[in-house]
Each structure stands twice: as structure tokens, then as C-alpha cells.
Amino acid sequence: MTLEIITWLYAGNSLFALMAYLPQITKLLTTRGAAKNFSTPSWTIWTYTSVISVLYIYTAVEDWLLFTVASINFVGCLAVLLLVLHKNKQERRE
């Protein structure tokens, strides 16, 4: 019983992660100019650690629930990082 509850709670983490990334992505999409309030080094590190986690889970752990949650975190980090880089590159061109 306890393992089942924890499994459902863990699966719900992917929804919480999405809820955390969506405001950041929305802010980046609606902000004009550079993404001054976003740390490129931090988002780069979070994206890197996320992709390493996904690769490790896929190759060594083979747990599909863990892989799915980690993948959602990776996609969220990558989306924010790419938007930050895009916004900052646009600002330099103008």
C-alpha cells in the first residue's frame, strides 16, 4: 500500500515540474528584450544535470516512471535555456 501511494505521488511530480516551468516559459515568451532575470549558467547546469540523469536512468536503471519524470524535467530546463539564449542573442543583434 505505501509503495503504491509513493509511486503515485512520484508520478505527480511531473505535473508539479510542468507547473513550475510553464510560468518561466510564459515570462520568456512575453518579455521584450534580453532575459536579464534568468541565469544562463544556472539553466545550463540544470539542463546538463537533467540530461545526464535521463541517460543514466535509461541505460542503467531502466525505470520508466523515473525516466518519464526526469525527461519532463530535462525538457523543461532545455526549453527555458533555449529561450534565454534566444532572447539574449536577439538583444545583442538589435
Protein backbone atom coordinates (compact mmCIF):
# COMPACT_ATOMS: atom_id res chain seq x y z
CA MET A 1 0.00 0.00 0.00
CA THR A 2 2.71 2.51 0.96
CA LEU A 3 4.78 1.83 -2.16
CA GLU A 4 1.71 2.36 -4.33
CA ILE A 5 0.98 5.73 -2.70
CA ILE A 6 4.60 6.84 -3.05
CA THR A 7 4.60 5.74 -6.69
CA TRP A 8 1.52 7.85 -7.42
CA LEU A 9 2.99 10.82 -5.56
CA TYR A 10 6.22 10.49 -7.52
CA ALA A 11 4.32 10.31 -10.79
CA GLY A 12 2.59 13.52 -9.76
CA ASN A 13 5.99 15.21 -9.54
CA SER A 14 5.98 15.54 -13.31
CA LEU A 15 2.84 17.69 -13.06
CA PHE A 16 4.46 19.88 -10.41
CA ALA A 17 7.54 20.23 -12.60
CA LEU A 18 5.41 21.31 -15.54
CA MET A 19 3.59 23.84 -13.36
CA ALA A 20 6.99 25.25 -12.32
CA TYR A 21 8.39 25.53 -15.85
CA LEU A 22 5.31 26.98 -17.54
CA PRO A 23 5.40 30.40 -15.80
CA GLN A 24 9.10 30.71 -16.65
CA ILE A 25 8.47 29.81 -20.27
CA THR A 26 5.48 32.18 -20.45
CA LYS A 27 7.53 35.00 -18.97
CA LEU A 28 10.29 34.42 -21.51
CA LEU A 29 7.84 34.32 -24.40
CA THR A 30 6.19 37.59 -23.37
CA THR A 31 9.29 39.53 -22.29
CA ARG A 32 10.72 42.02 -24.74
CA GLY A 33 14.49 42.27 -24.93
CA ALA A 34 17.09 40.23 -23.13
CA ALA A 35 16.28 37.71 -20.44
CA LYS A 36 18.15 39.67 -17.77
CA ASN A 37 16.46 37.97 -14.83
CA PHE A 38 17.44 34.47 -15.96
CA SER A 39 20.86 32.99 -15.18
CA THR A 40 22.27 31.31 -18.27
CA PRO A 41 24.98 29.43 -16.28
CA SER A 42 22.38 28.07 -13.84
CA TRP A 43 19.99 26.93 -16.55
CA THR A 44 22.91 25.38 -18.45
CA ILE A 45 23.96 23.39 -15.39
CA TRP A 46 20.38 22.30 -14.64
CA THR A 47 19.91 21.21 -18.25
CA TYR A 48 23.20 19.31 -18.25
CA THR A 49 22.44 17.51 -14.98
CA SER A 50 18.95 16.69 -16.24
CA VAL A 51 20.18 15.10 -19.46
CA ILE A 52 22.81 13.08 -17.57
CA SER A 53 20.08 11.85 -15.21
CA VAL A 54 17.86 10.84 -18.12
CA LEU A 55 20.71 9.00 -19.83
CA TYR A 56 21.69 7.21 -16.62
CA ILE A 57 18.13 6.17 -15.87
CA TYR A 58 17.62 4.96 -19.45
CA THR A 59 20.83 2.92 -19.58
CA ALA A 60 21.41 1.74 -16.01
CA VAL A 61 18.18 1.87 -14.04
CA GLU A 62 15.54 1.10 -16.67
CA ASP A 63 12.69 2.51 -14.59
CA TRP A 64 10.12 4.03 -16.95
CA LEU A 65 8.37 6.14 -14.34
CA LEU A 66 11.65 7.63 -13.17
CA PHE A 67 12.70 8.10 -16.80
CA THR A 68 9.47 9.93 -17.64
CA VAL A 69 9.68 12.32 -14.70
CA ALA A 70 13.38 13.01 -15.36
CA SER A 71 12.64 13.55 -19.06
CA ILE A 72 9.96 16.11 -18.28
CA ASN A 73 12.44 17.96 -16.08
CA PHE A 74 15.02 17.85 -18.87
CA VAL A 75 12.58 19.18 -21.47
CA GLY A 76 11.53 22.00 -19.13
CA CYS A 77 15.12 23.00 -18.41
CA LEU A 78 16.04 22.81 -22.08
CA ALA A 79 13.06 24.92 -23.12
CA VAL A 80 13.93 27.64 -20.61
CA LEU A 81 17.62 27.56 -21.53
CA LEU A 82 16.93 27.78 -25.28
CA LEU A 83 14.51 30.67 -24.78
CA VAL A 84 17.01 32.53 -22.60
CA LEU A 85 19.76 32.05 -25.18
CA HIS A 86 17.43 33.13 -27.98
CA LYS A 87 16.27 36.26 -26.13
CA ASN A 88 19.82 37.27 -25.27
CA LYS A 89 21.03 36.66 -28.83
CA GLN A 90 18.16 38.76 -30.20
CA GLU A 91 19.05 41.60 -27.83
CA ARG A 92 22.69 41.60 -28.97
CA ARG A 93 21.60 41.87 -32.63
CA GLU A 94 19.41 44.92 -32.02
